[in-house]
Amino acid sequence: MGSVDLRAMGGRIQARRKQLGYTQEQLAGWMDVSIQMVSNLERGNKAIRIDNLVRLSELLQVSADYLLTGQGSERDFQSLAERIARLPDHDRRLIEVLVDHCEPEM
């Protein structure tokens, strides 16, 4: 089994936190850890305890797999599909165009 790249994981944590509009302070409060701990996680300076990983994945609405490896799970894709479904028609059509553009030719 390979090792986890803590810096890459930290980058995913930070990017998702910012995407959701959360501050480090908010995340630290919800996780019941220090702001310094969140900062260390995001910089890849500290590993995360399993219980905190589970809580963090819930708060960031992604799987622990995604945080650890960058690979999405069925839960991540379902969450994305639900978010897309809530978009106005025009925005959903834009996403369809983008997917069509990115999808390889058959």
PDB file of N, CA and C in Angstrom:
ATOM      1  N   MET A   1       0.847  -1.176   0.000  1.00  0.00           N
ATOM      2  CA  MET A   1       0.000   0.000   0.000  1.00  0.00           C
ATOM      3  C   MET A   1       0.888   1.233   0.000  1.00  0.00           C
ATOM      4  N   GLY A   2       0.582   2.224  -0.842  1.00  0.00           N
ATOM      5  CA  GLY A   2       1.384   3.431  -0.941  1.00  0.00           C
ATOM      6  C   GLY A   2       1.128   4.391   0.204  1.00  0.00           C
ATOM      7  N   SER A   3       2.029   5.326   0.348  1.00  0.00           N
ATOM      8  CA  SER A   3       1.866   6.328   1.397  1.00  0.00           C
ATOM      9  C   SER A   3       1.002   7.474   0.894  1.00  0.00           C
ATOM     10  N   VAL A   4       0.447   8.204   1.840  1.00  0.00           N
ATOM     11  CA  VAL A   4      -0.399   9.346   1.521  1.00  0.00           C
ATOM     12  C   VAL A   4       0.493  10.577   1.394  1.00  0.00           C
ATOM     13  N   ASP A   5       0.306  11.343   0.327  1.00  0.00           N
ATOM     14  CA  ASP A   5       1.031  12.591   0.125  1.00  0.00           C
ATOM     15  C   ASP A   5       0.312  13.674   0.932  1.00  0.00           C
ATOM     16  N   LEU A   6       0.880  14.020   2.095  1.00  0.00           N
ATOM     17  CA  LEU A   6       0.216  14.963   2.997  1.00  0.00           C
ATOM     18  C   LEU A   6       0.049  16.347   2.381  1.00  0.00           C
ATOM     19  N   ARG A   7       1.013  16.777   1.586  1.00  0.00           N
ATOM     20  CA  ARG A   7       0.875  18.100   0.949  1.00  0.00           C
ATOM     21  C   ARG A   7      -0.260  18.117  -0.060  1.00  0.00           C
ATOM     22  N   ALA A   8      -0.349  17.066  -0.851  1.00  0.00           N
ATOM     23  CA  ALA A   8      -1.434  16.989  -1.835  1.00  0.00           C
ATOM     24  C   ALA A   8      -2.783  16.908  -1.125  1.00  0.00           C
ATOM     25  N   MET A   9      -2.840  16.116  -0.061  1.00  0.00           N
ATOM     26  CA  MET A   9      -4.073  16.016   0.713  1.00  0.00           C
ATOM     27  C   MET A   9      -4.433  17.379   1.301  1.00  0.00           C
ATOM     28  N   GLY A  10      -3.450  18.075   1.848  1.00  0.00           N
ATOM     29  CA  GLY A  10      -3.686  19.397   2.404  1.00  0.00           C
ATOM     30  C   GLY A  10      -4.214  20.372   1.362  1.00  0.00           C
ATOM     31  N   GLY A  11      -3.682  20.263   0.151  1.00  0.00           N
ATOM     32  CA  GLY A  11      -4.158  21.112  -0.936  1.00  0.00           C
ATOM     33  C   GLY A  11      -5.613  20.839  -1.269  1.00  0.00           C
ATOM     34  N   ARG A  12      -5.990  19.566  -1.242  1.00  0.00           N
ATOM     35  CA  ARG A  12      -7.400  19.217  -1.503  1.00  0.00           C
ATOM     36  C   ARG A  12      -8.304  19.733  -0.388  1.00  0.00           C
ATOM     37  N   ILE A  13      -7.842  19.623   0.844  1.00  0.00           N
ATOM     38  CA  ILE A  13      -8.626  20.128   1.977  1.00  0.00           C
ATOM     39  C   ILE A  13      -8.827  21.631   1.839  1.00  0.00           C
ATOM     40  N   GLN A  14      -7.743  22.343   1.593  1.00  0.00           N
ATOM     41  CA  GLN A  14      -7.829  23.800   1.477  1.00  0.00           C
ATOM     42  C   GLN A  14      -8.712  24.222   0.300  1.00  0.00           C
ATOM     43  N   ALA A  15      -8.535  23.581  -0.844  1.00  0.00           N
ATOM     44  CA  ALA A  15      -9.322  23.947  -2.021  1.00  0.00           C
ATOM     45  C   ALA A  15     -10.810  23.725  -1.778  1.00  0.00           C
ATOM     46  N   ARG A  16     -11.151  22.591  -1.163  1.00  0.00           N
ATOM     47  CA  ARG A  16     -12.567  22.303  -0.915  1.00  0.00           C
ATOM     48  C   ARG A  16     -13.137  23.244   0.135  1.00  0.00           C
ATOM     49  N   ARG A  17     -12.348  23.532   1.169  1.00  0.00           N
ATOM     50  CA  ARG A  17     -12.799  24.474   2.203  1.00  0.00           C
ATOM     51  C   ARG A  17     -13.129  25.822   1.568  1.00  0.00           C
ATOM     52  N   LYS A  18     -12.229  26.306   0.730  1.00  0.00           N
ATOM     53  CA  LYS A  18     -12.442  27.598   0.078  1.00  0.00           C
ATOM     54  C   LYS A  18     -13.618  27.541  -0.884  1.00  0.00           C
ATOM     55  N   GLN A  19     -13.760  26.406  -1.584  1.00  0.00           N
ATOM     56  CA  GLN A  19     -14.876  26.249  -2.520  1.00  0.00           C
ATOM     57  C   GLN A  19     -16.208  26.380  -1.792  1.00  0.00           C
ATOM     58  N   LEU A  20     -16.267  25.860  -0.574  1.00  0.00           N
ATOM     59  CA  LEU A  20     -17.488  25.933   0.218  1.00  0.00           C
ATOM     60  C   LEU A  20     -17.628  27.255   0.969  1.00  0.00           C
ATOM     61  N   GLY A  21     -16.602  28.087   0.916  1.00  0.00           N
ATOM     62  CA  GLY A  21     -16.660  29.391   1.576  1.00  0.00           C
ATOM     63  C   GLY A  21     -16.430  29.336   3.071  1.00  0.00           C
ATOM     64  N   TYR A  22     -15.780  28.288   3.550  1.00  0.00           N
ATOM     65  CA  TYR A  22     -15.494  28.153   4.973  1.00  0.00           C
ATOM     66  C   TYR A  22     -14.136  28.763   5.305  1.00  0.00           C
ATOM     67  N   THR A  23     -14.023  29.296   6.501  1.00  0.00           N
ATOM     68  CA  THR A  23     -12.728  29.773   6.985  1.00  0.00           C
ATOM     69  C   THR A  23     -12.057  28.645   7.774  1.00  0.00           C
ATOM     70  N   GLN A  24     -10.764  28.796   7.986  1.00  0.00           N
ATOM     71  CA  GLN A  24     -10.060  27.836   8.830  1.00  0.00           C
ATOM     72  C   GLN A  24     -10.653  27.852  10.237  1.00  0.00           C
ATOM     73  N   GLU A  25     -11.025  29.022  10.692  1.00  0.00           N
ATOM     74  CA  GLU A  25     -11.597  29.151  12.027  1.00  0.00           C
ATOM     75  C   GLU A  25     -12.900  28.367  12.154  1.00  0.00           C
ATOM     76  N   GLN A  26     -13.762  28.476  11.148  1.00  0.00           N
ATOM     77  CA  GLN A  26     -15.020  27.737  11.168  1.00  0.00           C
ATOM     78  C   GLN A  26     -14.758  26.236  11.184  1.00  0.00           C
ATOM     79  N   LEU A  27     -13.902  25.795  10.291  1.00  0.00           N
ATOM     80  CA  LEU A  27     -13.611  24.369  10.196  1.00  0.00           C
ATOM     81  C   LEU A  27     -13.035  23.848  11.509  1.00  0.00           C
ATOM     82  N   ALA A  28     -12.118  24.603  12.094  1.00  0.00           N
ATOM     83  CA  ALA A  28     -11.522  24.199  13.369  1.00  0.00           C
ATOM     84  C   ALA A  28     -12.598  24.080  14.456  1.00  0.00           C
ATOM     85  N   GLY A  29     -13.500  25.037  14.511  1.00  0.00           N
ATOM     86  CA  GLY A  29     -14.570  24.995  15.504  1.00  0.00           C
ATOM     87  C   GLY A  29     -15.480  23.789  15.325  1.00  0.00           C
ATOM     88  N   TRP A  30     -15.867  23.509  14.094  1.00  0.00           N
ATOM     89  CA  TRP A  30     -16.758  22.382  13.830  1.00  0.00           C
ATOM     90  C   TRP A  30     -16.077  21.047  14.126  1.00  0.00           C
ATOM     91  N   MET A  31     -14.754  21.004  13.922  1.00  0.00           N
ATOM     92  CA  MET A  31     -14.007  19.767  14.174  1.00  0.00           C
ATOM     93  C   MET A  31     -13.528  19.665  15.612  1.00  0.00           C
ATOM     94  N   ASP A  32     -13.655  20.745  16.361  1.00  0.00           N
ATOM     95  CA  ASP A  32     -13.172  20.808  17.739  1.00  0.00           C
ATOM     96  C   ASP A  32     -11.653  20.583  17.808  1.00  0.00           C
ATOM     97  N   VAL A  33     -10.940  21.277  16.895  1.00  0.00           N
ATOM     98  CA  VAL A  33      -9.479  21.282  16.884  1.00  0.00           C
ATOM     99  C   VAL A  33      -9.026  22.736  16.812  1.00  0.00           C
ATOM    100  N   SER A  34      -7.743  22.967  16.967  1.00  0.00           N
ATOM    101  CA  SER A  34      -7.229  24.334  16.887  1.00  0.00           C
ATOM    102  C   SER A  34      -7.135  24.808  15.436  1.00  0.00           C
ATOM    103  N   ILE A  35      -7.134  26.117  15.277  1.00  0.00           N
ATOM    104  CA  ILE A  35      -6.931  26.700  13.950  1.00  0.00           C
ATOM    105  C   ILE A  35      -5.559  26.276  13.427  1.00  0.00           C
ATOM    106  N   GLN A  36      -4.577  26.211  14.323  1.00  0.00           N
ATOM    107  CA  GLN A  36      -3.234  25.783  13.937  1.00  0.00           C
ATOM    108  C   GLN A  36      -3.257  24.369  13.363  1.00  0.00           C
ATOM    109  N   MET A  37      -4.093  23.492  13.906  1.00  0.00           N
ATOM    110  CA  MET A  37      -4.190  22.129  13.384  1.00  0.00           C
ATOM    111  C   MET A  37      -4.722  22.145  11.959  1.00  0.00           C
ATOM    112  N   VAL A  38      -5.745  22.930  11.700  1.00  0.00           N
ATOM    113  CA  VAL A  38      -6.292  23.030  10.344  1.00  0.00           C
ATOM    114  C   VAL A  38      -5.224  23.579   9.407  1.00  0.00           C
ATOM    115  N   SER A  39      -4.514  24.607   9.848  1.00  0.00           N
ATOM    116  CA  SER A  39      -3.446  25.184   9.049  1.00  0.00           C
ATOM    117  C   SER A  39      -2.371  24.138   8.749  1.00  0.00           C
ATOM    118  N   ASN A  40      -1.976  23.372   9.753  1.00  0.00           N
ATOM    119  CA  ASN A  40      -0.970  22.325   9.551  1.00  0.00           C
ATOM    120  C   ASN A  40      -1.455  21.243   8.592  1.00  0.00           C
ATOM    121  N   LEU A  41      -2.725  20.886   8.687  1.00  0.00           N
ATOM    122  CA  LEU A  41      -3.292  19.904   7.752  1.00  0.00           C
ATOM    123  C   LEU A  41      -3.218  20.428   6.326  1.00  0.00           C
ATOM    124  N   GLU A  42      -3.628  21.679   6.145  1.00  0.00           N
ATOM    125  CA  GLU A  42      -3.662  22.256   4.805  1.00  0.00           C
ATOM    126  C   GLU A  42      -2.268  22.420   4.203  1.00  0.00           C
ATOM    127  N   ARG A  43      -1.262  22.600   5.034  1.00  0.00           N
ATOM    128  CA  ARG A  43       0.106  22.728   4.534  1.00  0.00           C
ATOM    129  C   ARG A  43       0.803  21.373   4.423  1.00  0.00           C
ATOM    130  N   GLY A  44       0.143  20.325   4.862  1.00  0.00           N
ATOM    131  CA  GLY A  44       0.735  18.995   4.795  1.00  0.00           C
ATOM    132  C   GLY A  44       1.760  18.737   5.866  1.00  0.00           C
ATOM    133  N   ASN A  45       1.716  19.517   6.953  1.00  0.00           N
ATOM    134  CA  ASN A  45       2.684  19.372   8.035  1.00  0.00           C
ATOM    135  C   ASN A  45       2.288  18.335   9.072  1.00  0.00           C
ATOM    136  N   LYS A  46       1.030  17.959   9.106  1.00  0.00           N
ATOM    137  CA  LYS A  46       0.535  17.008  10.107  1.00  0.00           C
ATOM    138  C   LYS A  46      -0.374  15.986   9.442  1.00  0.00           C
ATOM    139  N   ALA A  47      -0.317  14.773   9.965  1.00  0.00           N
ATOM    140  CA  ALA A  47      -1.274  13.746   9.557  1.00  0.00           C
ATOM    141  C   ALA A  47      -2.561  13.967  10.347  1.00  0.00           C
ATOM    142  N   ILE A  48      -3.622  13.339   9.901  1.00  0.00           N
ATOM    143  CA  ILE A  48      -4.920  13.514  10.543  1.00  0.00           C
ATOM    144  C   ILE A  48      -5.354  12.208  11.189  1.00  0.00           C
ATOM    145  N   ARG A  49      -5.945  12.316  12.368  1.00  0.00           N
ATOM    146  CA  ARG A  49      -6.492  11.138  13.041  1.00  0.00           C
ATOM    147  C   ARG A  49      -7.719  10.646  12.277  1.00  0.00           C
ATOM    148  N   ILE A  50      -7.968   9.358  12.362  1.00  0.00           N
ATOM    149  CA  ILE A  50      -9.081   8.752  11.632  1.00  0.00           C
ATOM    150  C   ILE A  50     -10.414   9.413  11.975  1.00  0.00           C
ATOM    151  N   ASP A  51     -10.677   9.640  13.245  1.00  0.00           N
ATOM    152  CA  ASP A  51     -11.961  10.243  13.621  1.00  0.00           C
ATOM    153  C   ASP A  51     -12.090  11.654  13.052  1.00  0.00           C
ATOM    154  N   ASN A  52     -10.990  12.397  13.018  1.00  0.00           N
ATOM    155  CA  ASN A  52     -11.030  13.738  12.423  1.00  0.00           C
ATOM    156  C   ASN A  52     -11.173  13.672  10.905  1.00  0.00           C
ATOM    157  N   LEU A  53     -10.596  12.661  10.274  1.00  0.00           N
ATOM    158  CA  LEU A  53     -10.748  12.490   8.827  1.00  0.00           C
ATOM    159  C   LEU A  53     -12.204  12.240   8.471  1.00  0.00           C
ATOM    160  N   VAL A  54     -12.864  11.404   9.250  1.00  0.00           N
ATOM    161  CA  VAL A  54     -14.279  11.120   9.003  1.00  0.00           C
ATOM    162  C   VAL A  54     -15.097  12.398   9.157  1.00  0.00           C
ATOM    163  N   ARG A  55     -14.867  13.135  10.214  1.00  0.00           N
ATOM    164  CA  ARG A  55     -15.606  14.387  10.458  1.00  0.00           C
ATOM    165  C   ARG A  55     -15.311  15.411   9.366  1.00  0.00           C
ATOM    166  N   LEU A  56     -14.048  15.526   8.980  1.00  0.00           N
ATOM    167  CA  LEU A  56     -13.658  16.480   7.949  1.00  0.00           C
ATOM    168  C   LEU A  56     -14.316  16.144   6.611  1.00  0.00           C
ATOM    169  N   SER A  57     -14.350  14.874   6.259  1.00  0.00           N
ATOM    170  CA  SER A  57     -14.981  14.498   4.991  1.00  0.00           C
ATOM    171  C   SER A  57     -16.478  14.821   5.003  1.00  0.00           C
ATOM    172  N   GLU A  58     -17.119  14.663   6.163  1.00  0.00           N
ATOM    173  CA  GLU A  58     -18.530  15.036   6.278  1.00  0.00           C
ATOM    174  C   GLU A  58     -18.709  16.540   6.116  1.00  0.00           C
ATOM    175  N   LEU A  59     -17.872  17.313   6.795  1.00  0.00           N
ATOM    176  CA  LEU A  59     -17.982  18.772   6.730  1.00  0.00           C
ATOM    177  C   LEU A  59     -17.709  19.304   5.329  1.00  0.00           C
ATOM    178  N   LEU A  60     -16.748  18.696   4.642  1.00  0.00           N
ATOM    179  CA  LEU A  60     -16.384  19.156   3.298  1.00  0.00           C
ATOM    180  C   LEU A  60     -17.214  18.490   2.213  1.00  0.00           C
ATOM    181  N   GLN A  61     -18.088  17.569   2.620  1.00  0.00           N
ATOM    182  CA  GLN A  61     -19.025  16.905   1.708  1.00  0.00           C
ATOM    183  C   GLN A  61     -18.305  16.164   0.581  1.00  0.00           C
ATOM    184  N   VAL A  62     -17.217  15.503   0.943  1.00  0.00           N
ATOM    185  CA  VAL A  62     -16.478  14.640   0.024  1.00  0.00           C
ATOM    186  C   VAL A  62     -16.101  13.377   0.789  1.00  0.00           C
ATOM    187  N   SER A  63     -15.684  12.360   0.061  1.00  0.00           N
ATOM    188  CA  SER A  63     -15.293  11.115   0.720  1.00  0.00           C
ATOM    189  C   SER A  63     -13.892  11.233   1.305  1.00  0.00           C
ATOM    190  N   ALA A  64     -13.630  10.392   2.279  1.00  0.00           N
ATOM    191  CA  ALA A  64     -12.276  10.303   2.824  1.00  0.00           C
ATOM    192  C   ALA A  64     -11.316   9.843   1.729  1.00  0.00           C
ATOM    193  N   ASP A  65     -11.784   8.987   0.826  1.00  0.00           N
ATOM    194  CA  ASP A  65     -10.954   8.556  -0.313  1.00  0.00           C
ATOM    195  C   ASP A  65     -10.456   9.757  -1.098  1.00  0.00           C
ATOM    196  N   TYR A  66     -11.360  10.690  -1.369  1.00  0.00           N
ATOM    197  CA  TYR A  66     -10.963  11.869  -2.131  1.00  0.00           C
ATOM    198  C   TYR A  66      -9.913  12.670  -1.368  1.00  0.00           C
ATOM    199  N   LEU A  67     -10.127  12.895  -0.092  1.00  0.00           N
ATOM    200  CA  LEU A  67      -9.159  13.671   0.679  1.00  0.00           C
ATOM    201  C   LEU A  67      -7.803  12.980   0.707  1.00  0.00           C
ATOM    202  N   LEU A  68      -7.798  11.667   0.901  1.00  0.00           N
ATOM    203  CA  LEU A  68      -6.548  10.921   1.018  1.00  0.00           C
ATOM    204  C   LEU A  68      -5.817  10.742  -0.312  1.00  0.00           C
ATOM    205  N   THR A  69      -6.567  10.429  -1.372  1.00  0.00           N
ATOM    206  CA  THR A  69      -5.932  10.032  -2.632  1.00  0.00           C
ATOM    207  C   THR A  69      -6.226  10.940  -3.818  1.00  0.00           C
ATOM    208  N   GLY A  70      -7.249  11.767  -3.701  1.00  0.00           N
ATOM    209  CA  GLY A  70      -7.647  12.592  -4.834  1.00  0.00           C
ATOM    210  C   GLY A  70      -8.589  11.876  -5.783  1.00  0.00           C
ATOM    211  N   GLN A  71      -8.901  10.614  -5.483  1.00  0.00           N
ATOM    212  CA  GLN A  71      -9.806   9.835  -6.318  1.00  0.00           C
ATOM    213  C   GLN A  71     -11.216   9.938  -5.771  1.00  0.00           C
ATOM    214  N   GLY A  72     -12.153  10.285  -6.629  1.00  0.00           N
ATOM    215  CA  GLY A  72     -13.535  10.417  -6.207  1.00  0.00           C
ATOM    216  C   GLY A  72     -14.185   9.065  -5.960  1.00  0.00           C
ATOM    217  N   SER A  73     -15.186   9.070  -5.122  1.00  0.00           N
ATOM    218  CA  SER A  73     -15.968   7.861  -4.842  1.00  0.00           C
ATOM    219  C   SER A  73     -17.378   8.066  -5.386  1.00  0.00           C
ATOM    220  N   GLU A  74     -18.157   7.026  -5.299  1.00  0.00           N
ATOM    221  CA  GLU A  74     -19.554   7.117  -5.728  1.00  0.00           C
ATOM    222  C   GLU A  74     -20.279   8.228  -4.978  1.00  0.00           C
ATOM    223  N   ARG A  75     -19.973   8.388  -3.692  1.00  0.00           N
ATOM    224  CA  ARG A  75     -20.589   9.451  -2.884  1.00  0.00           C
ATOM    225  C   ARG A  75     -20.251  10.832  -3.455  1.00  0.00           C
ATOM    226  N   ASP A  76     -18.995  11.015  -3.873  1.00  0.00           N
ATOM    227  CA  ASP A  76     -18.600  12.301  -4.433  1.00  0.00           C
ATOM    228  C   ASP A  76     -19.358  12.597  -5.717  1.00  0.00           C
ATOM    229  N   PHE A  77     -19.483  11.588  -6.568  1.00  0.00           N
ATOM    230  CA  PHE A  77     -20.168  11.791  -7.842  1.00  0.00           C
ATOM    231  C   PHE A  77     -21.659  12.018  -7.635  1.00  0.00           C
ATOM    232  N   GLN A  78     -22.242  11.330  -6.665  1.00  0.00           N
ATOM    233  CA  GLN A  78     -23.657  11.533  -6.355  1.00  0.00           C
ATOM    234  C   GLN A  78     -23.884  12.951  -5.838  1.00  0.00           C
ATOM    235  N   SER A  79     -22.993  13.417  -4.986  1.00  0.00           N
ATOM    236  CA  SER A  79     -23.099  14.775  -4.454  1.00  0.00           C
ATOM    237  C   SER A  79     -23.008  15.800  -5.581  1.00  0.00           C
ATOM    238  N   LEU A  80     -22.084  15.587  -6.506  1.00  0.00           N
ATOM    239  CA  LEU A  80     -21.947  16.495  -7.641  1.00  0.00           C
ATOM    240  C   LEU A  80     -23.205  16.473  -8.505  1.00  0.00           C
ATOM    241  N   ALA A  81     -23.739  15.291  -8.757  1.00  0.00           N
ATOM    242  CA  ALA A  81     -24.962  15.187  -9.561  1.00  0.00           C
ATOM    243  C   ALA A  81     -26.117  15.929  -8.900  1.00  0.00           C
ATOM    244  N   GLU A  82     -26.222  15.826  -7.581  1.00  0.00           N
ATOM    245  CA  GLU A  82     -27.284  16.533  -6.863  1.00  0.00           C
ATOM    246  C   GLU A  82     -27.105  18.043  -6.962  1.00  0.00           C
ATOM    247  N   ARG A  83     -25.869  18.503  -6.859  1.00  0.00           N
ATOM    248  CA  ARG A  83     -25.608  19.944  -6.966  1.00  0.00           C
ATOM    249  C   ARG A  83     -25.933  20.441  -8.366  1.00  0.00           C
ATOM    250  N   ILE A  84     -25.575  19.675  -9.382  1.00  0.00           N
ATOM    251  CA  ILE A  84     -25.868  20.064 -10.766  1.00  0.00           C
ATOM    252  C   ILE A  84     -27.374  20.098 -10.985  1.00  0.00           C
ATOM    253  N   ALA A  85     -28.086  19.141 -10.429  1.00  0.00           N
ATOM    254  CA  ALA A  85     -29.541  19.078 -10.602  1.00  0.00           C
ATOM    255  C   ALA A  85     -30.245  20.303 -10.029  1.00  0.00           C
ATOM    256  N   ARG A  86     -29.649  20.936  -9.033  1.00  0.00           N
ATOM    257  CA  ARG A  86     -30.258  22.128  -8.412  1.00  0.00           C
ATOM    258  C   ARG A  86     -29.983  23.415  -9.192  1.00  0.00           C
ATOM    259  N   LEU A  87     -29.114  23.344 -10.188  1.00  0.00           N
ATOM    260  CA  LEU A  87     -28.768  24.536 -10.956  1.00  0.00           C
ATOM    261  C   LEU A  87     -29.896  24.930 -11.911  1.00  0.00           C
ATOM    262  N   PRO A  88     -29.955  26.204 -12.265  1.00  0.00           N
ATOM    263  CA  PRO A  88     -30.920  26.628 -13.291  1.00  0.00           C
ATOM    264  C   PRO A  88     -30.602  25.939 -14.625  1.00  0.00           C
ATOM    265  N   ASP A  89     -31.612  25.811 -15.482  1.00  0.00           N
ATOM    266  CA  ASP A  89     -31.452  25.111 -16.769  1.00  0.00           C
ATOM    267  C   ASP A  89     -30.266  25.622 -17.571  1.00  0.00           C
ATOM    268  N   HIS A  90     -30.112  26.925 -17.646  1.00  0.00           N
ATOM    269  CA  HIS A  90     -29.025  27.502 -18.439  1.00  0.00           C
ATOM    270  C   HIS A  90     -27.666  27.025 -17.947  1.00  0.00           C
ATOM    271  N   ASP A  91     -27.476  27.011 -16.640  1.00  0.00           N
ATOM    272  CA  ASP A  91     -26.204  26.573 -16.064  1.00  0.00           C
ATOM    273  C   ASP A  91     -25.973  25.078 -16.293  1.00  0.00           C
ATOM    274  N   ARG A  92     -27.042  24.277 -16.191  1.00  0.00           N
ATOM    275  CA  ARG A  92     -26.901  22.837 -16.461  1.00  0.00           C
ATOM    276  C   ARG A  92     -26.499  22.598 -17.903  1.00  0.00           C
ATOM    277  N   ARG A  93     -27.052  23.381 -18.828  1.00  0.00           N
ATOM    278  CA  ARG A  93     -26.685  23.232 -20.245  1.00  0.00           C
ATOM    279  C   ARG A  93     -25.210  23.586 -20.455  1.00  0.00           C
ATOM    280  N   LEU A  94     -24.730  24.596 -19.747  1.00  0.00           N
ATOM    281  CA  LEU A  94     -23.310  24.947 -19.843  1.00  0.00           C
ATOM    282  C   LEU A  94     -22.420  23.797 -19.372  1.00  0.00           C
ATOM    283  N   ILE A  95     -22.833  23.145 -18.316  1.00  0.00           N
ATOM    284  CA  ILE A  95     -22.065  22.005 -17.812  1.00  0.00           C
ATOM    285  C   ILE A  95     -22.098  20.868 -18.825  1.00  0.00           C
ATOM    286  N   GLU A  96     -23.239  20.630 -19.452  1.00  0.00           N
ATOM    287  CA  GLU A  96     -23.331  19.594 -20.480  1.00  0.00           C
ATOM    288  C   GLU A  96     -22.380  19.886 -21.638  1.00  0.00           C
ATOM    289  N   VAL A  97     -22.312  21.148 -22.044  1.00  0.00           N
ATOM    290  CA  VAL A  97     -21.391  21.535 -23.126  1.00  0.00           C
ATOM    291  C   VAL A  97     -19.952  21.277 -22.707  1.00  0.00           C
ATOM    292  N   LEU A  98     -19.621  21.632 -21.479  1.00  0.00           N
ATOM    293  CA  LEU A  98     -18.269  21.407 -20.975  1.00  0.00           C
ATOM    294  C   LEU A  98     -17.920  19.916 -20.936  1.00  0.00           C
ATOM    295  N   VAL A  99     -18.859  19.109 -20.463  1.00  0.00           N
ATOM    296  CA  VAL A  99     -18.624  17.650 -20.424  1.00  0.00           C
ATOM    297  C   VAL A  99     -18.475  17.110 -21.834  1.00  0.00           C
ATOM    298  N   ASP A 100     -19.334  17.555 -22.747  1.00  0.00           N
ATOM    299  CA  ASP A 100     -19.213  17.116 -24.139  1.00  0.00           C
ATOM    300  C   ASP A 100     -17.839  17.468 -24.712  1.00  0.00           C
ATOM    301  N   HIS A 101     -17.364  18.642 -24.369  1.00  0.00           N
ATOM    302  CA  HIS A 101     -16.058  19.089 -24.851  1.00  0.00           C
ATOM    303  C   HIS A 101     -14.923  18.239 -24.272  1.00  0.00           C
ATOM    304  N   CYS A 102     -15.033  17.864 -23.013  1.00  0.00           N
ATOM    305  CA  CYS A 102     -13.972  17.103 -22.340  1.00  0.00           C
ATOM    306  C   CYS A 102     -14.019  15.610 -22.618  1.00  0.00           C
ATOM    307  N   GLU A 103     -15.175  15.114 -22.997  1.00  0.00           N
ATOM    308  CA  GLU A 103     -15.349  13.676 -23.210  1.00  0.00           C
ATOM    309  C   GLU A 103     -14.580  13.254 -24.451  1.00  0.00           C
ATOM    310  N   PRO A 104     -13.839  12.148 -24.380  1.00  0.00           N
ATOM    311  CA  PRO A 104     -13.082  11.696 -25.555  1.00  0.00           C
ATOM    312  C   PRO A 104     -14.011  11.260 -26.676  1.00  0.00           C
ATOM    313  N   GLU A 105     -13.529  11.445 -27.893  1.00  0.00           N
ATOM    314  CA  GLU A 105     -14.295  11.029 -29.079  1.00  0.00           C
ATOM    315  C   GLU A 105     -14.442   9.507 -29.073  1.00  0.00           C
ATOM    316  N   MET A 106     -15.593   9.050 -29.467  1.00  0.00           N
ATOM    317  CA  MET A 106     -15.822   7.598 -29.522  1.00  0.00           C
ATOM    318  C   MET A 106     -15.580   7.095 -30.915  1.00  0.00           C
TER     319      MET A 106
END
